[in-house]
Amino acid sequence: MPDAKRLRRSRAAKALRVFQAYGPVILLLVFAAIVAAVNPRFLSLTNLVNISMQIVPVGIVSLGLMFVIISGGIDLSAGFGVALCIVCTGIVFGLTKNIVLSILASIAVGVVLGNVNAIFITRVGIQPFIVTLAMMSVAQGLTQILATGQIVFFNHPFLSFLGRARFAYLPVSAIFLILLYIIGYLILNYTRLGAYTYALGDNEEGARLAGISILRFKTILYILSGVCMGLAAIVIISRVALVAANLAGISLLLDAVASVILGGTNVNGGSGTVQGTFIGVVLVGMISNALNLLNVPPVFQDVFKGSVIILALYYQVLTKPARSMRRA
C-alpha cells in the first residue's frame, strides 16, 4: 500500500513538472481546440492572420514588462505610456513631417517615462507599484492635455508597410514582433543584463553583495520597458493610420500583464522566459479574438480576462512549494 501511494505521488509530481514546463503550450492547444469546436472560423487562415496582427502591440509591451517583472519590479505605466507616445509621435510628425524624427520621438518619450520610473524607484526608494501607478496617472493626464480631444489622420508609406504589408500570409508587423522576441531571448539568456535580471528578482540583497549595480541595471530595465512602449505606439499608429488619445490604455496594460503571467513569469520575480511570454501573448490574443467571435459583450470580456489573471496567480501560489524545492 505505501508503494502504491509513493507511485501515485511520483506520477502526480511528474505531471506537475510537465505542466510547469509546458503549461502555456497545453493551455493554448486546449483553448484553441475548444473554441474551434464551437466556432470553426476560429482556426481559419484569415482569422489566424488577423490574430497575428492584433497581438503585436500587446506582445511588444509584454516583452518589456517581462524583463521588469523578472527583476522583481512592475510597470503599471505601460498602457497609458503607449498612449502618450502615440500622441507625441503625432505632434512631432505634424510639426516636421519627418517619419524618422517621429519614430525617434515615440521611443524618446518611452525612454523618459522609463527613466523617471527608475529614478524614483532606485534613487528615492519608493516601491515600483506606487511609482508606476502614479506615472500611469501622469501619462494619462498628459495624453489628454496634448491630444486636446482631437483625432489626427497619420499616413506614411513606411507605416503602411509596417502595419498592413505581408510576406506570403505573415504580416510584416508580426515578423517585427518575432525579431524583437529573438533579440529579447538572446539578451535574457546570453548577456550579463539577462543574468543580472534573474539575480535581482531572485535575491536583490544577494545581488548587491555580489557587486551588481542595482541602480544601473534596474534603470536599464525600466528604460527597456519604455523603449517597448514607444515601439508599440508606432505599430498601433501603423495599423489604424491615425493618432488619438484613446488608442491605448488600461486594456493594453491588462492584456500585457495577463500575457506575462500566463507565460509562466513569477510575479515575485526571479523566473520567467521569453518563449513562455510569447505563448502567453498568443493565448491572450486568441482569448480576445474568440470572445469577439462568440459575441461576448466587452464588459464581460474584461471580467473574463481579469478572472484569467487571478487564476494564473492562484496557480503560481499553489505551485510555489514545488518551485522552491526545485531551486533547493
C-alpha atoms as a PDB file:
ATOM      1  CA  MET A   1       0.000   0.000   0.000  1.00  0.00           C
ATOM      2  CA  PRO A   2       2.782   2.517   0.828  1.00  0.00           C
ATOM      3  CA  ASP A   3       4.428   1.658  -2.507  1.00  0.00           C
ATOM      4  CA  ALA A   4       1.161   2.442  -4.312  1.00  0.00           C
ATOM      5  CA  LYS A   5       0.943   5.795  -2.530  1.00  0.00           C
ATOM      6  CA  ARG A   6       4.530   6.633  -3.416  1.00  0.00           C
ATOM      7  CA  LEU A   7       3.863   5.670  -7.031  1.00  0.00           C
ATOM      8  CA  ARG A   8       0.785   7.946  -7.189  1.00  0.00           C
ATOM      9  CA  ARG A   9       2.746  10.807  -5.630  1.00  0.00           C
ATOM     10  CA  SER A  10       5.595  10.253  -8.068  1.00  0.00           C
ATOM     11  CA  ARG A  11       3.190  10.344 -11.016  1.00  0.00           C
ATOM     12  CA  ALA A  12       1.476  13.452  -9.663  1.00  0.00           C
ATOM     13  CA  ALA A  13       4.842  15.184  -9.161  1.00  0.00           C
ATOM     14  CA  LYS A  14       5.900  14.244 -12.689  1.00  0.00           C
ATOM     15  CA  ALA A  15       2.612  15.558 -14.126  1.00  0.00           C
ATOM     16  CA  LEU A  16       3.070  18.793 -12.169  1.00  0.00           C
ATOM     17  CA  ARG A  17       6.605  19.249 -13.523  1.00  0.00           C
ATOM     18  CA  VAL A  18       5.387  18.653 -17.074  1.00  0.00           C
ATOM     19  CA  PHE A  19       2.600  21.209 -16.645  1.00  0.00           C
ATOM     20  CA  GLN A  20       5.002  23.722 -15.113  1.00  0.00           C
ATOM     21  CA  ALA A  21       7.322  23.323 -18.091  1.00  0.00           C
ATOM     22  CA  TYR A  22       4.696  23.180 -20.842  1.00  0.00           C
ATOM     23  CA  GLY A  23       1.626  24.686 -19.156  1.00  0.00           C
ATOM     24  CA  PRO A  24       1.246  27.688 -21.514  1.00  0.00           C
ATOM     25  CA  VAL A  25       1.523  25.442 -24.591  1.00  0.00           C
ATOM     26  CA  ILE A  26      -1.026  22.981 -23.164  1.00  0.00           C
ATOM     27  CA  LEU A  27      -3.431  25.819 -22.325  1.00  0.00           C
ATOM     28  CA  LEU A  28      -3.011  27.279 -25.807  1.00  0.00           C
ATOM     29  CA  LEU A  29      -3.767  23.990 -27.562  1.00  0.00           C
ATOM     30  CA  VAL A  30      -6.722  23.118 -25.311  1.00  0.00           C
ATOM     31  CA  PHE A  31      -8.252  26.584 -25.659  1.00  0.00           C
ATOM     32  CA  ALA A  32      -7.840  26.573 -29.463  1.00  0.00           C
ATOM     33  CA  ALA A  33      -9.465  23.145 -29.721  1.00  0.00           C
ATOM     34  CA  ILE A  34     -12.461  24.131 -27.571  1.00  0.00           C
ATOM     35  CA  VAL A  35     -13.144  27.395 -29.397  1.00  0.00           C
ATOM     36  CA  ALA A  36     -12.652  25.771 -32.821  1.00  0.00           C
ATOM     37  CA  ALA A  37     -15.244  23.163 -31.874  1.00  0.00           C
ATOM     38  CA  VAL A  38     -17.725  25.936 -31.054  1.00  0.00           C
ATOM     39  CA  ASN A  39     -16.820  28.186 -33.986  1.00  0.00           C
ATOM     40  CA  PRO A  40     -14.868  26.575 -36.876  1.00  0.00           C
ATOM     41  CA  ARG A  41     -13.954  30.044 -38.227  1.00  0.00           C
ATOM     42  CA  PHE A  42     -11.602  30.481 -35.291  1.00  0.00           C
ATOM     43  CA  LEU A  43      -8.804  28.410 -36.873  1.00  0.00           C
ATOM     44  CA  SER A  44      -9.349  29.695 -40.408  1.00  0.00           C
ATOM     45  CA  LEU A  45      -6.272  31.170 -42.095  1.00  0.00           C
ATOM     46  CA  THR A  46      -7.877  34.607 -42.352  1.00  0.00           C
ATOM     47  CA  ASN A  47      -8.661  34.704 -38.644  1.00  0.00           C
ATOM     48  CA  LEU A  48      -5.212  33.451 -37.635  1.00  0.00           C
ATOM     49  CA  VAL A  49      -3.613  36.202 -39.736  1.00  0.00           C
ATOM     50  CA  ASN A  50      -5.860  38.751 -38.008  1.00  0.00           C
ATOM     51  CA  ILE A  51      -4.796  37.426 -34.604  1.00  0.00           C
ATOM     52  CA  SER A  52      -1.117  37.663 -35.583  1.00  0.00           C
ATOM     53  CA  MET A  53      -1.633  41.361 -36.377  1.00  0.00           C
ATOM     54  CA  GLN A  54      -3.720  42.103 -33.290  1.00  0.00           C
ATOM     55  CA  ILE A  55      -1.230  40.677 -30.801  1.00  0.00           C
ATOM     56  CA  VAL A  56       1.755  42.782 -31.923  1.00  0.00           C
ATOM     57  CA  PRO A  57       1.281  45.864 -29.670  1.00  0.00           C
ATOM     58  CA  VAL A  58       0.475  43.689 -26.642  1.00  0.00           C
ATOM     59  CA  GLY A  59       3.428  41.449 -27.477  1.00  0.00           C
ATOM     60  CA  ILE A  60       5.886  44.354 -27.594  1.00  0.00           C
ATOM     61  CA  VAL A  61       4.677  45.821 -24.296  1.00  0.00           C
ATOM     62  CA  SER A  62       4.706  42.337 -22.716  1.00  0.00           C
ATOM     63  CA  LEU A  63       8.353  41.843 -23.672  1.00  0.00           C
ATOM     64  CA  GLY A  64       9.481  44.957 -21.808  1.00  0.00           C
ATOM     65  CA  LEU A  65       7.164  44.215 -18.900  1.00  0.00           C
ATOM     66  CA  MET A  66       8.548  40.678 -18.616  1.00  0.00           C
ATOM     67  CA  PHE A  67      12.087  41.933 -18.001  1.00  0.00           C
ATOM     68  CA  VAL A  68      10.847  44.293 -15.283  1.00  0.00           C
ATOM     69  CA  ILE A  69       8.745  41.622 -13.552  1.00  0.00           C
ATOM     70  CA  ILE A  70      11.531  39.019 -13.623  1.00  0.00           C
ATOM     71  CA  SER A  71      13.728  41.580 -11.855  1.00  0.00           C
ATOM     72  CA  GLY A  72      11.142  41.874  -9.084  1.00  0.00           C
ATOM     73  CA  GLY A  73       9.508  45.100 -10.301  1.00  0.00           C
ATOM     74  CA  ILE A  74       6.327  46.156 -12.088  1.00  0.00           C
ATOM     75  CA  ASP A  75       5.460  48.846 -14.622  1.00  0.00           C
ATOM     76  CA  LEU A  76       1.818  49.912 -14.444  1.00  0.00           C
ATOM     77  CA  SER A  77       2.529  52.990 -16.562  1.00  0.00           C
ATOM     78  CA  ALA A  78       2.975  50.909 -19.723  1.00  0.00           C
ATOM     79  CA  GLY A  79      -0.606  51.160 -21.040  1.00  0.00           C
ATOM     80  CA  PHE A  80      -1.044  54.928 -20.855  1.00  0.00           C
ATOM     81  CA  GLY A  81       2.671  55.314 -21.596  1.00  0.00           C
ATOM     82  CA  VAL A  82       1.942  53.901 -25.055  1.00  0.00           C
ATOM     83  CA  ALA A  83      -0.950  56.360 -25.440  1.00  0.00           C
ATOM     84  CA  LEU A  84       1.381  59.251 -24.563  1.00  0.00           C
ATOM     85  CA  CYS A  85       3.946  58.009 -27.093  1.00  0.00           C
ATOM     86  CA  ILE A  86       1.228  57.855 -29.761  1.00  0.00           C
ATOM     87  CA  VAL A  87       0.120  61.451 -29.191  1.00  0.00           C
ATOM     88  CA  CYS A  88       3.691  62.791 -29.046  1.00  0.00           C
ATOM     89  CA  THR A  89       4.508  60.970 -32.289  1.00  0.00           C
ATOM     90  CA  GLY A  90       1.552  62.655 -33.968  1.00  0.00           C
ATOM     91  CA  ILE A  91       2.626  66.073 -32.694  1.00  0.00           C
ATOM     92  CA  VAL A  92       6.198  65.683 -33.946  1.00  0.00           C
ATOM     93  CA  PHE A  93       5.035  64.427 -37.342  1.00  0.00           C
ATOM     94  CA  GLY A  94       2.607  67.344 -37.618  1.00  0.00           C
ATOM     95  CA  LEU A  95       5.425  69.803 -36.942  1.00  0.00           C
ATOM     96  CA  THR A  96       8.204  68.187 -39.005  1.00  0.00           C
ATOM     97  CA  LYS A  97       6.547  65.805 -41.496  1.00  0.00           C
ATOM     98  CA  ASN A  98       9.594  63.615 -40.838  1.00  0.00           C
ATOM     99  CA  ILE A  99       8.836  59.972 -40.105  1.00  0.00           C
ATOM    100  CA  VAL A 100      12.305  59.228 -38.670  1.00  0.00           C
ATOM    101  CA  LEU A 101      12.048  62.060 -36.146  1.00  0.00           C
ATOM    102  CA  SER A 102       8.512  60.942 -35.291  1.00  0.00           C
ATOM    103  CA  ILE A 103       9.612  57.377 -34.572  1.00  0.00           C
ATOM    104  CA  LEU A 104      12.568  58.634 -32.523  1.00  0.00           C
ATOM    105  CA  ALA A 105      10.210  60.917 -30.605  1.00  0.00           C
ATOM    106  CA  SER A 106       7.963  57.967 -29.729  1.00  0.00           C
ATOM    107  CA  ILE A 107      10.910  55.959 -28.421  1.00  0.00           C
ATOM    108  CA  ALA A 108      12.338  59.005 -26.604  1.00  0.00           C
ATOM    109  CA  VAL A 109       9.081  59.614 -24.744  1.00  0.00           C
ATOM    110  CA  GLY A 110       9.076  55.977 -23.625  1.00  0.00           C
ATOM    111  CA  VAL A 111      12.706  56.232 -22.532  1.00  0.00           C
ATOM    112  CA  VAL A 112      11.984  59.377 -20.489  1.00  0.00           C
ATOM    113  CA  LEU A 113       8.990  57.717 -18.844  1.00  0.00           C
ATOM    114  CA  GLY A 114      11.012  54.598 -18.005  1.00  0.00           C
ATOM    115  CA  ASN A 115      13.898  56.697 -16.684  1.00  0.00           C
ATOM    116  CA  VAL A 116      11.610  58.733 -14.417  1.00  0.00           C
ATOM    117  CA  ASN A 117      10.169  55.490 -13.035  1.00  0.00           C
ATOM    118  CA  ALA A 118      13.670  54.186 -12.403  1.00  0.00           C
ATOM    119  CA  ILE A 119      14.825  57.368 -10.662  1.00  0.00           C
ATOM    120  CA  PHE A 120      12.014  57.284  -8.098  1.00  0.00           C
ATOM    121  CA  ILE A 121      12.381  53.524  -7.591  1.00  0.00           C
ATOM    122  CA  THR A 122      16.164  53.276  -7.322  1.00  0.00           C
ATOM    123  CA  ARG A 123      17.265  56.684  -6.018  1.00  0.00           C
ATOM    124  CA  VAL A 124      14.285  57.785  -3.919  1.00  0.00           C
ATOM    125  CA  GLY A 125      13.405  54.276  -2.775  1.00  0.00           C
ATOM    126  CA  ILE A 126       9.661  54.272  -3.478  1.00  0.00           C
ATOM    127  CA  GLN A 127       8.010  50.936  -4.249  1.00  0.00           C
ATOM    128  CA  PRO A 128       7.648  50.201  -8.007  1.00  0.00           C
ATOM    129  CA  PHE A 129       3.892  49.651  -7.665  1.00  0.00           C
ATOM    130  CA  ILE A 130       3.362  53.140  -6.216  1.00  0.00           C
ATOM    131  CA  VAL A 131       5.729  54.917  -8.600  1.00  0.00           C
ATOM    132  CA  THR A 132       4.401  53.349 -11.784  1.00  0.00           C
ATOM    133  CA  LEU A 133       0.787  53.736 -10.643  1.00  0.00           C
ATOM    134  CA  ALA A 134       1.422  57.458 -10.166  1.00  0.00           C
ATOM    135  CA  MET A 135       3.188  57.654 -13.537  1.00  0.00           C
ATOM    136  CA  MET A 136       0.224  55.903 -15.133  1.00  0.00           C
ATOM    137  CA  SER A 137      -1.958  58.780 -13.943  1.00  0.00           C
ATOM    138  CA  VAL A 138       0.593  61.353 -15.108  1.00  0.00           C
ATOM    139  CA  ALA A 139       0.833  59.749 -18.562  1.00  0.00           C
ATOM    140  CA  GLN A 140      -2.948  59.594 -18.850  1.00  0.00           C
ATOM    141  CA  GLY A 141      -3.293  63.277 -17.948  1.00  0.00           C
ATOM    142  CA  LEU A 142      -0.521  64.417 -20.293  1.00  0.00           C
ATOM    143  CA  THR A 143      -2.049  62.385 -23.121  1.00  0.00           C
ATOM    144  CA  GLN A 144      -5.408  64.125 -22.722  1.00  0.00           C
ATOM    145  CA  ILE A 145      -3.780  67.558 -22.430  1.00  0.00           C
ATOM    146  CA  LEU A 146      -1.620  67.132 -25.523  1.00  0.00           C
ATOM    147  CA  ALA A 147      -4.319  65.459 -27.624  1.00  0.00           C
ATOM    148  CA  THR A 148      -6.922  68.167 -26.828  1.00  0.00           C
ATOM    149  CA  GLY A 149      -9.629  65.730 -27.830  1.00  0.00           C
ATOM    150  CA  GLN A 150      -8.561  65.693 -31.478  1.00  0.00           C
ATOM    151  CA  ILE A 151      -8.160  62.799 -33.892  1.00  0.00           C
ATOM    152  CA  VAL A 152      -5.397  63.315 -36.459  1.00  0.00           C
ATOM    153  CA  PHE A 153      -5.031  61.093 -39.510  1.00  0.00           C
ATOM    154  CA  PHE A 154      -1.449  59.882 -39.861  1.00  0.00           C
ATOM    155  CA  ASN A 155      -0.396  58.085 -43.010  1.00  0.00           C
ATOM    156  CA  HIS A 156       3.059  57.393 -44.413  1.00  0.00           C
ATOM    157  CA  PRO A 157       4.424  54.732 -46.803  1.00  0.00           C
ATOM    158  CA  PHE A 158       6.696  53.249 -44.125  1.00  0.00           C
ATOM    159  CA  LEU A 159       3.838  52.980 -41.633  1.00  0.00           C
ATOM    160  CA  SER A 160       1.574  51.459 -44.275  1.00  0.00           C
ATOM    161  CA  PHE A 161       4.265  48.858 -44.964  1.00  0.00           C
ATOM    162  CA  LEU A 162       4.730  48.088 -41.265  1.00  0.00           C
ATOM    163  CA  GLY A 163       1.044  47.954 -40.427  1.00  0.00           C
ATOM    164  CA  ARG A 164      -0.563  46.368 -43.455  1.00  0.00           C
ATOM    165  CA  ALA A 165       2.021  44.697 -45.719  1.00  0.00           C
ATOM    166  CA  ARG A 166       2.557  40.924 -45.730  1.00  0.00           C
ATOM    167  CA  PHE A 167       5.190  38.418 -46.771  1.00  0.00           C
ATOM    168  CA  ALA A 168       3.182  35.457 -48.042  1.00  0.00           C
ATOM    169  CA  TYR A 169       0.478  35.291 -45.360  1.00  0.00           C
ATOM    170  CA  LEU A 170       2.566  36.611 -42.467  1.00  0.00           C
ATOM    171  CA  PRO A 171       2.101  40.338 -41.669  1.00  0.00           C
ATOM    172  CA  VAL A 172       5.251  42.477 -41.528  1.00  0.00           C
ATOM    173  CA  SER A 173       4.274  43.649 -38.037  1.00  0.00           C
ATOM    174  CA  ALA A 174       4.189  40.025 -36.850  1.00  0.00           C
ATOM    175  CA  ILE A 175       7.653  39.437 -38.337  1.00  0.00           C
ATOM    176  CA  PHE A 176       8.829  42.547 -36.468  1.00  0.00           C
ATOM    177  CA  LEU A 177       7.418  41.111 -33.228  1.00  0.00           C
ATOM    178  CA  ILE A 178       9.199  37.791 -33.793  1.00  0.00           C
ATOM    179  CA  LEU A 179      12.502  39.598 -34.396  1.00  0.00           C
ATOM    180  CA  LEU A 180      12.061  41.564 -31.169  1.00  0.00           C
ATOM    181  CA  TYR A 181      11.430  38.344 -29.239  1.00  0.00           C
ATOM    182  CA  ILE A 182      14.528  36.744 -30.743  1.00  0.00           C
ATOM    183  CA  ILE A 183      16.550  39.761 -29.565  1.00  0.00           C
ATOM    184  CA  GLY A 184      14.857  39.546 -26.156  1.00  0.00           C
ATOM    185  CA  TYR A 185      15.696  35.830 -25.926  1.00  0.00           C
ATOM    186  CA  LEU A 186      19.349  36.487 -26.700  1.00  0.00           C
ATOM    187  CA  ILE A 187      19.531  39.295 -24.148  1.00  0.00           C
ATOM    188  CA  LEU A 188      17.853  37.318 -21.380  1.00  0.00           C
ATOM    189  CA  ASN A 189      19.814  34.112 -21.911  1.00  0.00           C
ATOM    190  CA  TYR A 190      23.233  35.143 -23.243  1.00  0.00           C
ATOM    191  CA  THR A 191      24.090  38.549 -21.782  1.00  0.00           C
ATOM    192  CA  ARG A 192      25.105  39.931 -18.422  1.00  0.00           C
ATOM    193  CA  LEU A 193      21.913  42.021 -18.354  1.00  0.00           C
ATOM    194  CA  GLY A 194      19.833  38.847 -18.588  1.00  0.00           C
ATOM    195  CA  ALA A 195      21.761  37.085 -15.830  1.00  0.00           C
ATOM    196  CA  TYR A 196      21.515  40.132 -13.576  1.00  0.00           C
ATOM    197  CA  THR A 197      17.778  40.429 -14.293  1.00  0.00           C
ATOM    198  CA  TYR A 198      17.224  36.973 -12.812  1.00  0.00           C
ATOM    199  CA  ALA A 199      19.597  37.724  -9.933  1.00  0.00           C
ATOM    200  CA  LEU A 200      17.768  40.922  -8.990  1.00  0.00           C
ATOM    201  CA  GLY A 201      14.411  39.148  -8.904  1.00  0.00           C
ATOM    202  CA  ASP A 202      15.673  36.104  -7.049  1.00  0.00           C
ATOM    203  CA  ASN A 203      17.599  37.909  -4.301  1.00  0.00           C
ATOM    204  CA  GLU A 204      18.217  41.635  -4.657  1.00  0.00           C
ATOM    205  CA  GLU A 205      20.284  41.907  -1.479  1.00  0.00           C
ATOM    206  CA  GLY A 206      22.419  38.964  -2.559  1.00  0.00           C
ATOM    207  CA  ALA A 207      22.888  40.591  -5.960  1.00  0.00           C
ATOM    208  CA  ARG A 208      24.017  43.818  -4.283  1.00  0.00           C
ATOM    209  CA  LEU A 209      26.512  41.978  -2.092  1.00  0.00           C
ATOM    210  CA  ALA A 210      27.807  40.207  -5.215  1.00  0.00           C
ATOM    211  CA  GLY A 211      28.733  43.605  -6.656  1.00  0.00           C
ATOM    212  CA  ILE A 212      25.842  44.084  -9.083  1.00  0.00           C
ATOM    213  CA  SER A 213      24.887  47.747  -9.520  1.00  0.00           C
ATOM    214  CA  ILE A 214      21.192  47.677  -8.569  1.00  0.00           C
ATOM    215  CA  LEU A 215      20.684  51.302  -9.620  1.00  0.00           C
ATOM    216  CA  ARG A 216      22.281  50.851 -13.038  1.00  0.00           C
ATOM    217  CA  PHE A 217      20.609  47.636 -14.094  1.00  0.00           C
ATOM    218  CA  LYS A 218      17.143  48.486 -12.767  1.00  0.00           C
ATOM    219  CA  THR A 219      17.371  51.756 -14.682  1.00  0.00           C
ATOM    220  CA  ILE A 220      18.258  49.853 -17.856  1.00  0.00           C
ATOM    221  CA  LEU A 221      15.287  47.506 -17.381  1.00  0.00           C
ATOM    222  CA  TYR A 222      12.757  50.310 -16.900  1.00  0.00           C
ATOM    223  CA  ILE A 223      14.203  52.161 -19.883  1.00  0.00           C
ATOM    224  CA  LEU A 224      13.868  48.930 -21.881  1.00  0.00           C
ATOM    225  CA  SER A 225      10.203  48.847 -20.908  1.00  0.00           C
ATOM    226  CA  GLY A 226       9.918  52.452 -22.102  1.00  0.00           C
ATOM    227  CA  VAL A 227      11.509  51.603 -25.454  1.00  0.00           C
ATOM    228  CA  CYS A 228       8.909  48.867 -25.896  1.00  0.00           C
ATOM    229  CA  MET A 229       6.168  51.430 -25.197  1.00  0.00           C
ATOM    230  CA  GLY A 230       7.492  53.638 -27.985  1.00  0.00           C
ATOM    231  CA  LEU A 231       7.745  50.756 -30.464  1.00  0.00           C
ATOM    232  CA  ALA A 232       4.239  49.563 -29.600  1.00  0.00           C
ATOM    233  CA  ALA A 233       2.931  53.082 -30.243  1.00  0.00           C
ATOM    234  CA  ILE A 234       4.446  53.087 -33.751  1.00  0.00           C
ATOM    235  CA  VAL A 235       2.850  49.722 -34.551  1.00  0.00           C
ATOM    236  CA  ILE A 236      -0.562  50.900 -33.347  1.00  0.00           C
ATOM    237  CA  ILE A 237      -0.355  54.052 -35.484  1.00  0.00           C
ATOM    238  CA  SER A 238       0.724  51.974 -38.482  1.00  0.00           C
ATOM    239  CA  ARG A 239      -2.375  49.789 -38.135  1.00  0.00           C
ATOM    240  CA  VAL A 240      -5.049  52.471 -37.698  1.00  0.00           C
ATOM    241  CA  ALA A 241      -3.363  55.331 -39.636  1.00  0.00           C
ATOM    242  CA  LEU A 242      -4.436  57.952 -37.107  1.00  0.00           C
ATOM    243  CA  VAL A 243      -3.461  59.455 -33.760  1.00  0.00           C
ATOM    244  CA  ALA A 244      -5.885  59.726 -30.847  1.00  0.00           C
ATOM    245  CA  ALA A 245      -5.704  59.664 -27.056  1.00  0.00           C
ATOM    246  CA  ASN A 246      -7.820  56.536 -26.664  1.00  0.00           C
ATOM    247  CA  LEU A 247      -5.794  54.115 -28.815  1.00  0.00           C
ATOM    248  CA  ALA A 248      -4.075  52.608 -25.758  1.00  0.00           C
ATOM    249  CA  GLY A 249      -4.616  52.493 -22.027  1.00  0.00           C
ATOM    250  CA  ILE A 250      -5.599  50.185 -19.213  1.00  0.00           C
ATOM    251  CA  SER A 251      -6.860  47.438 -21.532  1.00  0.00           C
ATOM    252  CA  LEU A 252      -3.442  47.169 -23.210  1.00  0.00           C
ATOM    253  CA  LEU A 253      -1.759  47.015 -19.798  1.00  0.00           C
ATOM    254  CA  LEU A 254      -4.068  44.257 -18.536  1.00  0.00           C
ATOM    255  CA  ASP A 255      -3.528  42.185 -21.675  1.00  0.00           C
ATOM    256  CA  ALA A 256       0.243  42.580 -21.312  1.00  0.00           C
ATOM    257  CA  VAL A 257       0.214  41.630 -17.617  1.00  0.00           C
ATOM    258  CA  ALA A 258      -2.001  38.629 -18.374  1.00  0.00           C
ATOM    259  CA  SER A 259       0.354  37.544 -21.166  1.00  0.00           C
ATOM    260  CA  VAL A 260       3.423  37.691 -18.927  1.00  0.00           C
ATOM    261  CA  ILE A 261       1.732  35.810 -16.071  1.00  0.00           C
ATOM    262  CA  LEU A 262       0.158  33.161 -18.323  1.00  0.00           C
ATOM    263  CA  GLY A 263       3.589  32.742 -19.906  1.00  0.00           C
ATOM    264  CA  GLY A 264       4.916  31.497 -16.575  1.00  0.00           C
ATOM    265  CA  THR A 265       6.750  34.565 -15.266  1.00  0.00           C
ATOM    266  CA  ASN A 266       6.685  34.675 -11.468  1.00  0.00           C
ATOM    267  CA  VAL A 267       5.109  37.951 -10.269  1.00  0.00           C
ATOM    268  CA  ASN A 268       7.529  37.920  -7.324  1.00  0.00           C
ATOM    269  CA  GLY A 269      10.487  37.887  -9.696  1.00  0.00           C
ATOM    270  CA  GLY A 270      13.352  35.512 -10.317  1.00  0.00           C
ATOM    271  CA  SER A 271      11.858  33.329 -13.055  1.00  0.00           C
ATOM    272  CA  GLY A 272      10.326  33.661 -16.490  1.00  0.00           C
ATOM    273  CA  THR A 273      11.145  33.019 -20.145  1.00  0.00           C
ATOM    274  CA  VAL A 274      10.819  34.903 -23.410  1.00  0.00           C
ATOM    275  CA  GLN A 275       9.268  31.921 -25.169  1.00  0.00           C
ATOM    276  CA  GLY A 276       6.733  31.489 -22.366  1.00  0.00           C
ATOM    277  CA  THR A 277       5.769  35.155 -22.623  1.00  0.00           C
ATOM    278  CA  PHE A 278       5.348  34.831 -26.382  1.00  0.00           C
ATOM    279  CA  ILE A 279       2.988  31.903 -25.907  1.00  0.00           C
ATOM    280  CA  GLY A 280       1.138  33.925 -23.269  1.00  0.00           C
ATOM    281  CA  VAL A 281       0.736  36.775 -25.773  1.00  0.00           C
ATOM    282  CA  VAL A 282      -0.677  34.389 -28.381  1.00  0.00           C
ATOM    283  CA  LEU A 283      -3.021  32.860 -25.799  1.00  0.00           C
ATOM    284  CA  VAL A 284      -4.363  36.249 -24.670  1.00  0.00           C
ATOM    285  CA  GLY A 285      -4.760  37.282 -28.308  1.00  0.00           C
ATOM    286  CA  MET A 286      -6.712  34.113 -29.042  1.00  0.00           C
ATOM    287  CA  ILE A 287      -8.890  34.666 -25.970  1.00  0.00           C
ATOM    288  CA  SER A 288      -9.744  38.212 -27.090  1.00  0.00           C
ATOM    289  CA  ASN A 289     -10.429  37.077 -30.628  1.00  0.00           C
ATOM    290  CA  ALA A 290     -12.560  34.129 -29.501  1.00  0.00           C
ATOM    291  CA  LEU A 291     -14.656  36.308 -27.205  1.00  0.00           C
ATOM    292  CA  ASN A 292     -15.317  38.654 -30.124  1.00  0.00           C
ATOM    293  CA  LEU A 293     -16.235  35.761 -32.431  1.00  0.00           C
ATOM    294  CA  LEU A 294     -18.621  34.464 -29.772  1.00  0.00           C
ATOM    295  CA  ASN A 295     -20.197  37.960 -29.492  1.00  0.00           C
ATOM    296  CA  VAL A 296     -19.349  38.319 -25.807  1.00  0.00           C
ATOM    297  CA  PRO A 297     -20.028  41.939 -24.671  1.00  0.00           C
ATOM    298  CA  PRO A 298     -16.879  43.966 -23.886  1.00  0.00           C
ATOM    299  CA  VAL A 299     -17.753  44.331 -20.183  1.00  0.00           C
ATOM    300  CA  PHE A 300     -17.924  40.549 -19.805  1.00  0.00           C
ATOM    301  CA  GLN A 301     -14.656  40.209 -21.712  1.00  0.00           C
ATOM    302  CA  ASP A 302     -12.952  42.342 -19.050  1.00  0.00           C
ATOM    303  CA  VAL A 303     -14.439  40.130 -16.324  1.00  0.00           C
ATOM    304  CA  PHE A 304     -13.170  37.014 -18.092  1.00  0.00           C
ATOM    305  CA  LYS A 305      -9.648  38.397 -18.610  1.00  0.00           C
ATOM    306  CA  GLY A 306      -9.447  39.549 -15.001  1.00  0.00           C
ATOM    307  CA  SER A 307     -10.522  36.100 -13.855  1.00  0.00           C
ATOM    308  CA  VAL A 308      -7.819  34.520 -16.033  1.00  0.00           C
ATOM    309  CA  ILE A 309      -5.166  36.687 -14.325  1.00  0.00           C
ATOM    310  CA  ILE A 310      -6.440  35.727 -10.865  1.00  0.00           C
ATOM    311  CA  LEU A 311      -6.432  32.021 -11.741  1.00  0.00           C
ATOM    312  CA  ALA A 312      -2.890  32.294 -13.111  1.00  0.00           C
ATOM    313  CA  LEU A 313      -1.740  33.969  -9.889  1.00  0.00           C
ATOM    314  CA  TYR A 314      -3.528  31.316  -7.834  1.00  0.00           C
ATOM    315  CA  TYR A 315      -1.733  28.621  -9.812  1.00  0.00           C
ATOM    316  CA  GLN A 316       1.612  30.269  -9.006  1.00  0.00           C
ATOM    317  CA  VAL A 317       0.714  30.201  -5.299  1.00  0.00           C
ATOM    318  CA  LEU A 318      -0.232  26.518  -5.460  1.00  0.00           C
ATOM    319  CA  THR A 319       3.000  25.546  -7.183  1.00  0.00           C
ATOM    320  CA  LYS A 320       5.267  27.751  -5.060  1.00  0.00           C
ATOM    321  CA  PRO A 321       6.437  24.914  -2.784  1.00  0.00           C
ATOM    322  CA  ALA A 322       7.387  22.825  -5.799  1.00  0.00           C
ATOM    323  CA  ARG A 323       9.313  25.748  -7.270  1.00  0.00           C
ATOM    324  CA  SER A 324      11.156  26.315  -4.006  1.00  0.00           C
ATOM    325  CA  MET A 325      12.081  22.623  -3.738  1.00  0.00           C
ATOM    326  CA  ARG A 326      13.309  22.658  -7.325  1.00  0.00           C
ATOM    327  CA  ARG A 327      15.619  25.624  -6.570  1.00  0.00           C
ATOM    328  CA  ALA A 328      16.965  23.880  -3.472  1.00  0.00           C
END
